[in-house]
Amino acid sequence: MVHYLEVPVLLQFRDNEMKDDHGYILYVNAGPYIAFALDDQSKPNLLNIPAANKKNDWGATIGVGMQTPICGKDIRFDLRYDLGLAEIANQPTDYRTKALNFTVGISL
């Protein structure tokens, strides 16, 4: 198992003029990411030593979200899907990372 620190660079499309009566705003976002391996708990692959250097991952992110005012603050809900495009060490050649993320945040 490899633990990563992921750094996404996302572009977001939202139309503030499409607010409904309650102040909800829907948006979509997409862009690339790079993920740096922090901790590798996998067993080394003795048959393929060069693969041990391929610990970082990169890929694409797509997602949708909603922003709504709650108690005077804008609360954001995001649902994103990450698809890794790099080959990961000690995995079959057709293996790619995948992740589904749900986040909640406050816009200040």
PDB file of N, CA and C in Angstrom:
ATOM      1  N   MET A   1       0.843  -1.171   0.000  1.00  0.00           N
ATOM      2  CA  MET A   1       0.000   0.000   0.000  1.00  0.00           C
ATOM      3  C   MET A   1       0.896   1.244   0.000  1.00  0.00           C
ATOM      4  N   VAL A   2       0.531   2.200  -0.828  1.00  0.00           N
ATOM      5  CA  VAL A   2       1.285   3.448  -0.932  1.00  0.00           C
ATOM      6  C   VAL A   2       0.360   4.602  -0.550  1.00  0.00           C
ATOM      7  N   HIS A   3       0.837   5.473   0.328  1.00  0.00           N
ATOM      8  CA  HIS A   3       0.077   6.654   0.724  1.00  0.00           C
ATOM      9  C   HIS A   3       0.598   7.843  -0.069  1.00  0.00           C
ATOM     10  N   TYR A   4      -0.328   8.659  -0.601  1.00  0.00           N
ATOM     11  CA  TYR A   4       0.038   9.768  -1.472  1.00  0.00           C
ATOM     12  C   TYR A   4      -0.437  11.108  -0.923  1.00  0.00           C
ATOM     13  N   LEU A   5       0.287  12.155  -1.284  1.00  0.00           N
ATOM     14  CA  LEU A   5      -0.156  13.531  -1.122  1.00  0.00           C
ATOM     15  C   LEU A   5      -0.486  14.023  -2.523  1.00  0.00           C
ATOM     16  N   GLU A   6      -1.765  14.291  -2.762  1.00  0.00           N
ATOM     17  CA  GLU A   6      -2.221  14.662  -4.098  1.00  0.00           C
ATOM     18  C   GLU A   6      -2.392  16.178  -4.202  1.00  0.00           C
ATOM     19  N   VAL A   7      -1.885  16.744  -5.289  1.00  0.00           N
ATOM     20  CA  VAL A   7      -1.987  18.179  -5.547  1.00  0.00           C
ATOM     21  C   VAL A   7      -2.728  18.365  -6.876  1.00  0.00           C
ATOM     22  N   PRO A   8      -4.044  18.700  -6.809  1.00  0.00           N
ATOM     23  CA  PRO A   8      -4.792  18.917  -8.046  1.00  0.00           C
ATOM     24  C   PRO A   8      -4.714  20.375  -8.497  1.00  0.00           C
ATOM     25  N   VAL A   9      -4.823  20.593  -9.788  1.00  0.00           N
ATOM     26  CA  VAL A   9      -4.947  21.929 -10.380  1.00  0.00           C
ATOM     27  C   VAL A   9      -6.237  21.889 -11.198  1.00  0.00           C
ATOM     28  N   LEU A  10      -7.293  22.465 -10.638  1.00  0.00           N
ATOM     29  CA  LEU A  10      -8.613  22.321 -11.236  1.00  0.00           C
ATOM     30  C   LEU A  10      -9.136  23.640 -11.783  1.00  0.00           C
ATOM     31  N   LEU A  11      -9.780  23.548 -12.921  1.00  0.00           N
ATOM     32  CA  LEU A  11     -10.535  24.668 -13.470  1.00  0.00           C
ATOM     33  C   LEU A  11     -11.994  24.425 -13.127  1.00  0.00           C
ATOM     34  N   GLN A  12     -12.666  25.495 -12.736  1.00  0.00           N
ATOM     35  CA  GLN A  12     -14.049  25.361 -12.313  1.00  0.00           C
ATOM     36  C   GLN A  12     -14.944  26.238 -13.176  1.00  0.00           C
ATOM     37  N   PHE A  13     -16.056  25.669 -13.629  1.00  0.00           N
ATOM     38  CA  PHE A  13     -17.048  26.446 -14.373  1.00  0.00           C
ATOM     39  C   PHE A  13     -18.295  26.544 -13.528  1.00  0.00           C
ATOM     40  N   ARG A  14     -18.724  27.777 -13.291  1.00  0.00           N
ATOM     41  CA  ARG A  14     -19.958  28.017 -12.557  1.00  0.00           C
ATOM     42  C   ARG A  14     -20.600  29.277 -13.080  1.00  0.00           C
ATOM     43  N   ASP A  15     -21.889  29.305 -13.026  1.00  0.00           N
ATOM     44  CA  ASP A  15     -22.642  30.454 -13.507  1.00  0.00           C
ATOM     45  C   ASP A  15     -23.404  31.040 -12.321  1.00  0.00           C
ATOM     46  N   ASN A  16     -22.894  32.128 -11.743  1.00  0.00           N
ATOM     47  CA  ASN A  16     -23.519  32.738 -10.573  1.00  0.00           C
ATOM     48  C   ASN A  16     -24.905  33.297 -10.876  1.00  0.00           C
ATOM     49  N   GLU A  17     -25.201  33.542 -12.145  1.00  0.00           N
ATOM     50  CA  GLU A  17     -26.513  34.070 -12.500  1.00  0.00           C
ATOM     51  C   GLU A  17     -27.586  32.986 -12.506  1.00  0.00           C
ATOM     52  N   MET A  18     -27.189  31.735 -12.367  1.00  0.00           N
ATOM     53  CA  MET A  18     -28.161  30.646 -12.332  1.00  0.00           C
ATOM     54  C   MET A  18     -28.548  30.286 -10.899  1.00  0.00           C
ATOM     55  N   LYS A  19     -28.284  31.163  -9.932  1.00  0.00           N
ATOM     56  CA  LYS A  19     -28.685  30.901  -8.549  1.00  0.00           C
ATOM     57  C   LYS A  19     -30.194  30.729  -8.474  1.00  0.00           C
ATOM     58  N   ASP A  20     -30.621  29.788  -7.655  1.00  0.00           N
ATOM     59  CA  ASP A  20     -32.054  29.668  -7.459  1.00  0.00           C
ATOM     60  C   ASP A  20     -32.477  30.547  -6.279  1.00  0.00           C
ATOM     61  N   ASP A  21     -33.716  30.439  -5.859  1.00  0.00           N
ATOM     62  CA  ASP A  21     -34.245  31.292  -4.785  1.00  0.00           C
ATOM     63  C   ASP A  21     -33.543  31.069  -3.445  1.00  0.00           C
ATOM     64  N   HIS A  22     -32.953  29.908  -3.258  1.00  0.00           N
ATOM     65  CA  HIS A  22     -32.287  29.587  -1.996  1.00  0.00           C
ATOM     66  C   HIS A  22     -30.792  29.906  -2.019  1.00  0.00           C
ATOM     67  N   GLY A  23     -30.250  30.317  -3.158  1.00  0.00           N
ATOM     68  CA  GLY A  23     -28.837  30.664  -3.257  1.00  0.00           C
ATOM     69  C   GLY A  23     -27.925  29.521  -3.646  1.00  0.00           C
ATOM     70  N   TYR A  24     -28.470  28.380  -4.083  1.00  0.00           N
ATOM     71  CA  TYR A  24     -27.652  27.244  -4.506  1.00  0.00           C
ATOM     72  C   TYR A  24     -26.952  27.570  -5.822  1.00  0.00           C
ATOM     73  N   ILE A  25     -25.685  27.194  -5.931  1.00  0.00           N
ATOM     74  CA  ILE A  25     -24.935  27.332  -7.180  1.00  0.00           C
ATOM     75  C   ILE A  25     -24.333  25.964  -7.496  1.00  0.00           C
ATOM     76  N   LEU A  26     -24.577  25.451  -8.686  1.00  0.00           N
ATOM     77  CA  LEU A  26     -23.962  24.200  -9.130  1.00  0.00           C
ATOM     78  C   LEU A  26     -22.753  24.523  -9.996  1.00  0.00           C
ATOM     79  N   TYR A  27     -21.728  23.670  -9.947  1.00  0.00           N
ATOM     80  CA  TYR A  27     -20.526  23.878 -10.748  1.00  0.00           C
ATOM     81  C   TYR A  27     -19.903  22.545 -11.116  1.00  0.00           C
ATOM     82  N   VAL A  28     -19.047  22.571 -12.131  1.00  0.00           N
ATOM     83  CA  VAL A  28     -18.253  21.411 -12.542  1.00  0.00           C
ATOM     84  C   VAL A  28     -16.784  21.823 -12.521  1.00  0.00           C
ATOM     85  N   ASN A  29     -15.914  20.872 -12.264  1.00  0.00           N
ATOM     86  CA  ASN A  29     -14.481  21.156 -12.286  1.00  0.00           C
ATOM     87  C   ASN A  29     -13.730  19.987 -12.913  1.00  0.00           C
ATOM     88  N   ALA A  30     -12.579  20.304 -13.485  1.00  0.00           N
ATOM     89  CA  ALA A  30     -11.752  19.284 -14.126  1.00  0.00           C
ATOM     90  C   ALA A  30     -10.322  19.792 -14.204  1.00  0.00           C
ATOM     91  N   GLY A  31      -9.370  18.867 -14.266  1.00  0.00           N
ATOM     92  CA  GLY A  31      -7.977  19.245 -14.416  1.00  0.00           C
ATOM     93  C   GLY A  31      -7.042  18.105 -14.053  1.00  0.00           C
ATOM     94  N   PRO A  32      -5.749  18.361 -14.152  1.00  0.00           N
ATOM     95  CA  PRO A  32      -4.755  17.338 -13.834  1.00  0.00           C
ATOM     96  C   PRO A  32      -4.403  17.338 -12.342  1.00  0.00           C
ATOM     97  N   TYR A  33      -3.750  16.267 -11.924  1.00  0.00           N
ATOM     98  CA  TYR A  33      -3.187  16.222 -10.570  1.00  0.00           C
ATOM     99  C   TYR A  33      -1.853  15.504 -10.615  1.00  0.00           C
ATOM    100  N   ILE A  34      -1.048  15.759  -9.607  1.00  0.00           N
ATOM    101  CA  ILE A  34       0.168  14.987  -9.372  1.00  0.00           C
ATOM    102  C   ILE A  34       0.122  14.543  -7.915  1.00  0.00           C
ATOM    103  N   ALA A  35       0.540  13.316  -7.666  1.00  0.00           N
ATOM    104  CA  ALA A  35       0.521  12.759  -6.319  1.00  0.00           C
ATOM    105  C   ALA A  35       1.919  12.256  -5.974  1.00  0.00           C
ATOM    106  N   PHE A  36       2.400  12.664  -4.817  1.00  0.00           N
ATOM    107  CA  PHE A  36       3.736  12.292  -4.353  1.00  0.00           C
ATOM    108  C   PHE A  36       3.617  11.190  -3.306  1.00  0.00           C
ATOM    109  N   ALA A  37       4.380  10.120  -3.469  1.00  0.00           N
ATOM    110  CA  ALA A  37       4.350   9.013  -2.518  1.00  0.00           C
ATOM    111  C   ALA A  37       4.976   9.451  -1.198  1.00  0.00           C
ATOM    112  N   LEU A  38       4.229   9.271  -0.111  1.00  0.00           N
ATOM    113  CA  LEU A  38       4.723   9.622   1.218  1.00  0.00           C
ATOM    114  C   LEU A  38       5.246   8.408   1.964  1.00  0.00           C
ATOM    115  N   ASP A  39       4.541   7.287   1.828  1.00  0.00           N
ATOM    116  CA  ASP A  39       4.896   6.078   2.567  1.00  0.00           C
ATOM    117  C   ASP A  39       4.581   4.875   1.685  1.00  0.00           C
ATOM    118  N   ASP A  40       5.572   4.015   1.473  1.00  0.00           N
ATOM    119  CA  ASP A  40       5.392   2.830   0.639  1.00  0.00           C
ATOM    120  C   ASP A  40       5.526   1.599   1.520  1.00  0.00           C
ATOM    121  N   GLN A  41       4.413   0.896   1.713  1.00  0.00           N
ATOM    122  CA  GLN A  41       4.411  -0.311   2.532  1.00  0.00           C
ATOM    123  C   GLN A  41       4.343  -1.570   1.682  1.00  0.00           C
ATOM    124  N   SER A  42       4.538  -1.419   0.361  1.00  0.00           N
ATOM    125  CA  SER A  42       4.479  -2.583  -0.526  1.00  0.00           C
ATOM    126  C   SER A  42       5.810  -3.316  -0.530  1.00  0.00           C
ATOM    127  N   LYS A  43       5.765  -4.575  -0.925  1.00  0.00           N
ATOM    128  CA  LYS A  43       6.970  -5.391  -1.012  1.00  0.00           C
ATOM    129  C   LYS A  43       7.727  -5.054  -2.282  1.00  0.00           C
ATOM    130  N   PRO A  44       9.048  -4.997  -2.242  1.00  0.00           N
ATOM    131  CA  PRO A  44       9.801  -4.689  -3.464  1.00  0.00           C
ATOM    132  C   PRO A  44       9.668  -5.804  -4.497  1.00  0.00           C
ATOM    133  N   ASN A  45       9.705  -5.416  -5.747  1.00  0.00           N
ATOM    134  CA  ASN A  45       9.612  -6.351  -6.857  1.00  0.00           C
ATOM    135  C   ASN A  45      11.041  -6.652  -7.323  1.00  0.00           C
ATOM    136  N   LEU A  46      11.560  -7.821  -6.976  1.00  0.00           N
ATOM    137  CA  LEU A  46      12.957  -8.154  -7.278  1.00  0.00           C
ATOM    138  C   LEU A  46      13.183  -8.434  -8.763  1.00  0.00           C
ATOM    139  N   LEU A  47      12.128  -8.760  -9.510  1.00  0.00           N
ATOM    140  CA  LEU A  47      12.282  -9.047 -10.927  1.00  0.00           C
ATOM    141  C   LEU A  47      12.309  -7.793 -11.784  1.00  0.00           C
ATOM    142  N   ASN A  48      11.834  -6.690 -11.253  1.00  0.00           N
ATOM    143  CA  ASN A  48      11.747  -5.458 -12.035  1.00  0.00           C
ATOM    144  C   ASN A  48      12.221  -4.278 -11.179  1.00  0.00           C
ATOM    145  N   ILE A  49      13.514  -4.174 -10.949  1.00  0.00           N
ATOM    146  CA  ILE A  49      14.089  -3.152 -10.078  1.00  0.00           C
ATOM    147  C   ILE A  49      13.792  -1.725 -10.546  1.00  0.00           C
ATOM    148  N   PRO A  50      13.846  -1.378 -11.863  1.00  0.00           N
ATOM    149  CA  PRO A  50      13.557   0.002 -12.259  1.00  0.00           C
ATOM    150  C   PRO A  50      12.162   0.480 -11.873  1.00  0.00           C
ATOM    151  N   ALA A  51      11.208  -0.425 -11.711  1.00  0.00           N
ATOM    152  CA  ALA A  51       9.856  -0.016 -11.330  1.00  0.00           C
ATOM    153  C   ALA A  51       9.815   0.564  -9.928  1.00  0.00           C
ATOM    154  N   ALA A  52      10.799   0.260  -9.099  1.00  0.00           N
ATOM    155  CA  ALA A  52      10.812   0.769  -7.728  1.00  0.00           C
ATOM    156  C   ALA A  52      10.943   2.284  -7.689  1.00  0.00           C
ATOM    157  N   ASN A  53      11.433   2.912  -8.752  1.00  0.00           N
ATOM    158  CA  ASN A  53      11.561   4.367  -8.781  1.00  0.00           C
ATOM    159  C   ASN A  53      10.273   5.067  -9.205  1.00  0.00           C
ATOM    160  N   LYS A  54       9.276   4.339  -9.651  1.00  0.00           N
ATOM    161  CA  LYS A  54       8.035   4.938 -10.150  1.00  0.00           C
ATOM    162  C   LYS A  54       6.998   5.026  -9.026  1.00  0.00           C
ATOM    163  N   LYS A  55       7.243   5.839  -8.029  1.00  0.00           N
ATOM    164  CA  LYS A  55       6.336   5.926  -6.899  1.00  0.00           C
ATOM    165  C   LYS A  55       5.347   7.077  -7.022  1.00  0.00           C
ATOM    166  N   ASN A  56       5.642   8.088  -7.802  1.00  0.00           N
ATOM    167  CA  ASN A  56       4.728   9.211  -7.949  1.00  0.00           C
ATOM    168  C   ASN A  56       3.659   8.877  -8.979  1.00  0.00           C
ATOM    169  N   ASP A  57       2.510   9.500  -8.826  1.00  0.00           N
ATOM    170  CA  ASP A  57       1.377   9.260  -9.701  1.00  0.00           C
ATOM    171  C   ASP A  57       0.923  10.593 -10.282  1.00  0.00           C
ATOM    172  N   TRP A  58       0.284  10.542 -11.425  1.00  0.00           N
ATOM    173  CA  TRP A  58      -0.327  11.723 -12.026  1.00  0.00           C
ATOM    174  C   TRP A  58      -1.548  11.260 -12.786  1.00  0.00           C
ATOM    175  N   GLY A  59      -2.483  12.173 -13.002  1.00  0.00           N
ATOM    176  CA  GLY A  59      -3.696  11.771 -13.684  1.00  0.00           C
ATOM    177  C   GLY A  59      -4.644  12.927 -13.886  1.00  0.00           C
ATOM    178  N   ALA A  60      -5.918  12.596 -14.034  1.00  0.00           N
ATOM    179  CA  ALA A  60      -6.950  13.589 -14.325  1.00  0.00           C
ATOM    180  C   ALA A  60      -8.055  13.496 -13.276  1.00  0.00           C
ATOM    181  N   THR A  61      -8.662  14.653 -13.003  1.00  0.00           N
ATOM    182  CA  THR A  61      -9.752  14.750 -12.049  1.00  0.00           C
ATOM    183  C   THR A  61     -10.953  15.417 -12.716  1.00  0.00           C
ATOM    184  N   ILE A  62     -12.130  14.855 -12.503  1.00  0.00           N
ATOM    185  CA  ILE A  62     -13.365  15.509 -12.932  1.00  0.00           C
ATOM    186  C   ILE A  62     -14.324  15.496 -11.741  1.00  0.00           C
ATOM    187  N   GLY A  63     -15.199  16.485 -11.682  1.00  0.00           N
ATOM    188  CA  GLY A  63     -16.113  16.521 -10.553  1.00  0.00           C
ATOM    189  C   GLY A  63     -17.249  17.503 -10.719  1.00  0.00           C
ATOM    190  N   VAL A  64     -18.200  17.395  -9.802  1.00  0.00           N
ATOM    191  CA  VAL A  64     -19.331  18.307  -9.725  1.00  0.00           C
ATOM    192  C   VAL A  64     -19.450  18.778  -8.284  1.00  0.00           C
ATOM    193  N   GLY A  65     -20.096  19.920  -8.112  1.00  0.00           N
ATOM    194  CA  GLY A  65     -20.252  20.428  -6.768  1.00  0.00           C
ATOM    195  C   GLY A  65     -21.429  21.363  -6.642  1.00  0.00           C
ATOM    196  N   MET A  66     -21.700  21.725  -5.389  1.00  0.00           N
ATOM    197  CA  MET A  66     -22.778  22.642  -5.091  1.00  0.00           C
ATOM    198  C   MET A  66     -22.316  23.567  -3.969  1.00  0.00           C
ATOM    199  N   GLN A  67     -22.672  24.831  -4.083  1.00  0.00           N
ATOM    200  CA  GLN A  67     -22.376  25.810  -3.043  1.00  0.00           C
ATOM    201  C   GLN A  67     -23.699  26.367  -2.548  1.00  0.00           C
ATOM    202  N   THR A  68     -23.860  26.465  -1.241  1.00  0.00           N
ATOM    203  CA  THR A  68     -25.090  26.958  -0.657  1.00  0.00           C
ATOM    204  C   THR A  68     -24.783  27.799   0.578  1.00  0.00           C
ATOM    205  N   PRO A  69     -25.533  28.871   0.807  1.00  0.00           N
ATOM    206  CA  PRO A  69     -25.318  29.658   2.013  1.00  0.00           C
ATOM    207  C   PRO A  69     -25.965  28.988   3.224  1.00  0.00           C
ATOM    208  N   ILE A  70     -25.188  28.838   4.299  1.00  0.00           N
ATOM    209  CA  ILE A  70     -25.688  28.293   5.558  1.00  0.00           C
ATOM    210  C   ILE A  70     -25.118  29.153   6.676  1.00  0.00           C
ATOM    211  N   CYS A  71     -25.987  29.747   7.452  1.00  0.00           N
ATOM    212  CA  CYS A  71     -25.593  30.597   8.592  1.00  0.00           C
ATOM    213  C   CYS A  71     -24.634  31.712   8.172  1.00  0.00           C
ATOM    214  N   GLY A  72     -24.864  32.307   7.020  1.00  0.00           N
ATOM    215  CA  GLY A  72     -24.035  33.429   6.573  1.00  0.00           C
ATOM    216  C   GLY A  72     -22.724  33.036   5.917  1.00  0.00           C
ATOM    217  N   LYS A  73     -22.421  31.775   5.810  1.00  0.00           N
ATOM    218  CA  LYS A  73     -21.198  31.286   5.153  1.00  0.00           C
ATOM    219  C   LYS A  73     -21.574  30.440   3.945  1.00  0.00           C
ATOM    220  N   ASP A  74     -20.716  30.437   2.932  1.00  0.00           N
ATOM    221  CA  ASP A  74     -20.939  29.584   1.770  1.00  0.00           C
ATOM    222  C   ASP A  74     -20.323  28.218   2.017  1.00  0.00           C
ATOM    223  N   ILE A  75     -21.150  27.202   2.058  1.00  0.00           N
ATOM    224  CA  ILE A  75     -20.704  25.820   2.267  1.00  0.00           C
ATOM    225  C   ILE A  75     -20.665  25.145   0.899  1.00  0.00           C
ATOM    226  N   ARG A  76     -19.574  24.401   0.645  1.00  0.00           N
ATOM    227  CA  ARG A  76     -19.386  23.737  -0.651  1.00  0.00           C
ATOM    228  C   ARG A  76     -19.326  22.227  -0.454  1.00  0.00           C
ATOM    229  N   PHE A  77     -19.982  21.529  -1.361  1.00  0.00           N
ATOM    230  CA  PHE A  77     -19.983  20.067  -1.399  1.00  0.00           C
ATOM    231  C   PHE A  77     -19.435  19.650  -2.758  1.00  0.00           C
ATOM    232  N   ASP A  78     -18.363  18.859  -2.772  1.00  0.00           N
ATOM    233  CA  ASP A  78     -17.716  18.413  -4.016  1.00  0.00           C
ATOM    234  C   ASP A  78     -17.726  16.894  -4.094  1.00  0.00           C
ATOM    235  N   LEU A  79     -17.978  16.382  -5.275  1.00  0.00           N
ATOM    236  CA  LEU A  79     -17.813  14.957  -5.569  1.00  0.00           C
ATOM    237  C   LEU A  79     -16.879  14.876  -6.764  1.00  0.00           C
ATOM    238  N   ARG A  80     -15.701  14.235  -6.565  1.00  0.00           N
ATOM    239  CA  ARG A  80     -14.677  14.168  -7.618  1.00  0.00           C
ATOM    240  C   ARG A  80     -14.252  12.720  -7.861  1.00  0.00           C
ATOM    241  N   TYR A  81     -13.866  12.480  -9.116  1.00  0.00           N
ATOM    242  CA  TYR A  81     -13.313  11.180  -9.508  1.00  0.00           C
ATOM    243  C   TYR A  81     -11.910  11.401 -10.053  1.00  0.00           C
ATOM    244  N   ASP A  82     -10.944  10.699  -9.486  1.00  0.00           N
ATOM    245  CA  ASP A  82      -9.547  10.778  -9.918  1.00  0.00           C
ATOM    246  C   ASP A  82      -9.188   9.509 -10.677  1.00  0.00           C
ATOM    247  N   LEU A  83      -8.559   9.684 -11.834  1.00  0.00           N
ATOM    248  CA  LEU A  83      -8.108   8.555 -12.641  1.00  0.00           C
ATOM    249  C   LEU A  83      -6.612   8.691 -12.861  1.00  0.00           C
ATOM    250  N   GLY A  84      -5.839   7.796 -12.262  1.00  0.00           N
ATOM    251  CA  GLY A  84      -4.393   7.811 -12.422  1.00  0.00           C
ATOM    252  C   GLY A  84      -3.980   7.368 -13.815  1.00  0.00           C
ATOM    253  N   LEU A  85      -2.968   8.035 -14.358  1.00  0.00           N
ATOM    254  CA  LEU A  85      -2.492   7.708 -15.701  1.00  0.00           C
ATOM    255  C   LEU A  85      -1.065   7.152 -15.703  1.00  0.00           C
ATOM    256  N   ALA A  86      -0.378   7.202 -14.580  1.00  0.00           N
ATOM    257  CA  ALA A  86       1.000   6.709 -14.490  1.00  0.00           C
ATOM    258  C   ALA A  86       1.022   5.242 -14.069  1.00  0.00           C
ATOM    259  N   GLU A  87       2.079   4.537 -14.490  1.00  0.00           N
ATOM    260  CA  GLU A  87       2.284   3.176 -14.013  1.00  0.00           C
ATOM    261  C   GLU A  87       2.864   3.247 -12.607  1.00  0.00           C
ATOM    262  N   ILE A  88       2.335   2.440 -11.717  1.00  0.00           N
ATOM    263  CA  ILE A  88       2.748   2.450 -10.320  1.00  0.00           C
ATOM    264  C   ILE A  88       3.694   1.273 -10.076  1.00  0.00           C
ATOM    265  N   ALA A  89       4.697   1.491  -9.251  1.00  0.00           N
ATOM    266  CA  ALA A  89       5.685   0.452  -8.943  1.00  0.00           C
ATOM    267  C   ALA A  89       5.026  -0.765  -8.314  1.00  0.00           C
ATOM    268  N   ASN A  90       5.573  -1.920  -8.618  1.00  0.00           N
ATOM    269  CA  ASN A  90       5.164  -3.203  -8.039  1.00  0.00           C
ATOM    270  C   ASN A  90       3.714  -3.573  -8.365  1.00  0.00           C
ATOM    271  N   GLN A  91       3.180  -3.078  -9.488  1.00  0.00           N
ATOM    272  CA  GLN A  91       1.822  -3.406  -9.906  1.00  0.00           C
ATOM    273  C   GLN A  91       1.864  -3.898 -11.355  1.00  0.00           C
ATOM    274  N   PRO A  92       0.835  -4.619 -11.787  1.00  0.00           N
ATOM    275  CA  PRO A  92       0.782  -5.028 -13.192  1.00  0.00           C
ATOM    276  C   PRO A  92       0.772  -3.808 -14.111  1.00  0.00           C
ATOM    277  N   THR A  93       1.196  -3.983 -15.346  1.00  0.00           N
ATOM    278  CA  THR A  93       1.324  -2.840 -16.261  1.00  0.00           C
ATOM    279  C   THR A  93      -0.007  -2.187 -16.587  1.00  0.00           C
ATOM    280  N   ASP A  94      -1.124  -2.897 -16.455  1.00  0.00           N
ATOM    281  CA  ASP A  94      -2.420  -2.301 -16.747  1.00  0.00           C
ATOM    282  C   ASP A  94      -3.095  -1.718 -15.501  1.00  0.00           C
ATOM    283  N   TYR A  95      -2.381  -1.659 -14.382  1.00  0.00           N
ATOM    284  CA  TYR A  95      -2.940  -1.134 -13.132  1.00  0.00           C
ATOM    285  C   TYR A  95      -2.843   0.390 -13.096  1.00  0.00           C
ATOM    286  N   ARG A  96      -3.934   1.064 -12.753  1.00  0.00           N
ATOM    287  CA  ARG A  96      -3.962   2.518 -12.592  1.00  0.00           C
ATOM    288  C   ARG A  96      -4.733   2.837 -11.312  1.00  0.00           C
ATOM    289  N   THR A  97      -4.330   3.890 -10.627  1.00  0.00           N
ATOM    290  CA  THR A  97      -5.050   4.288  -9.418  1.00  0.00           C
ATOM    291  C   THR A  97      -6.370   4.942  -9.798  1.00  0.00           C
ATOM    292  N   LYS A  98      -7.347   4.790  -8.927  1.00  0.00           N
ATOM    293  CA  LYS A  98      -8.663   5.396  -9.090  1.00  0.00           C
ATOM    294  C   LYS A  98      -9.150   5.796  -7.707  1.00  0.00           C
ATOM    295  N   ALA A  99      -9.848   6.930  -7.634  1.00  0.00           N
ATOM    296  CA  ALA A  99     -10.378   7.361  -6.344  1.00  0.00           C
ATOM    297  C   ALA A  99     -11.646   8.164  -6.546  1.00  0.00           C
ATOM    298  N   LEU A 100     -12.555   8.033  -5.609  1.00  0.00           N
ATOM    299  CA  LEU A 100     -13.771   8.826  -5.565  1.00  0.00           C
ATOM    300  C   LEU A 100     -13.707   9.620  -4.267  1.00  0.00           C
ATOM    301  N   ASN A 101     -13.801  10.952  -4.360  1.00  0.00           N
ATOM    302  CA  ASN A 101     -13.667  11.827  -3.197  1.00  0.00           C
ATOM    303  C   ASN A 101     -14.939  12.630  -2.978  1.00  0.00           C
ATOM    304  N   PHE A 102     -15.323  12.772  -1.735  1.00  0.00           N
ATOM    305  CA  PHE A 102     -16.410  13.665  -1.355  1.00  0.00           C
ATOM    306  C   PHE A 102     -15.855  14.623  -0.325  1.00  0.00           C
ATOM    307  N   THR A 103     -15.948  15.919  -0.586  1.00  0.00           N
ATOM    308  CA  THR A 103     -15.408  16.907   0.336  1.00  0.00           C
ATOM    309  C   THR A 103     -16.478  17.940   0.694  1.00  0.00           C
ATOM    310  N   VAL A 104     -16.327  18.504   1.881  1.00  0.00           N
ATOM    311  CA  VAL A 104     -17.178  19.585   2.362  1.00  0.00           C
ATOM    312  C   VAL A 104     -16.249  20.699   2.798  1.00  0.00           C
ATOM    313  N   GLY A 105     -16.553  21.932   2.380  1.00  0.00           N
ATOM    314  CA  GLY A 105     -15.680  23.049   2.732  1.00  0.00           C
ATOM    315  C   GLY A 105     -16.473  24.330   2.957  1.00  0.00           C
ATOM    316  N   ILE A 106     -15.786  25.325   3.497  1.00  0.00           N
ATOM    317  CA  ILE A 106     -16.367  26.636   3.765  1.00  0.00           C
ATOM    318  C   ILE A 106     -15.602  27.661   2.935  1.00  0.00           C
ATOM    319  N   SER A 107     -16.333  28.455   2.162  1.00  0.00           N
ATOM    320  CA  SER A 107     -15.718  29.555   1.409  1.00  0.00           C
ATOM    321  C   SER A 107     -15.721  30.792   2.293  1.00  0.00           C
ATOM    322  N   LEU A 108     -14.563  31.364   2.497  1.00  0.00           N
ATOM    323  CA  LEU A 108     -14.473  32.559   3.345  1.00  0.00           C
ATOM    324  C   LEU A 108     -14.493  33.827   2.539  1.00  0.00           C
TER     325      LEU A 108
END
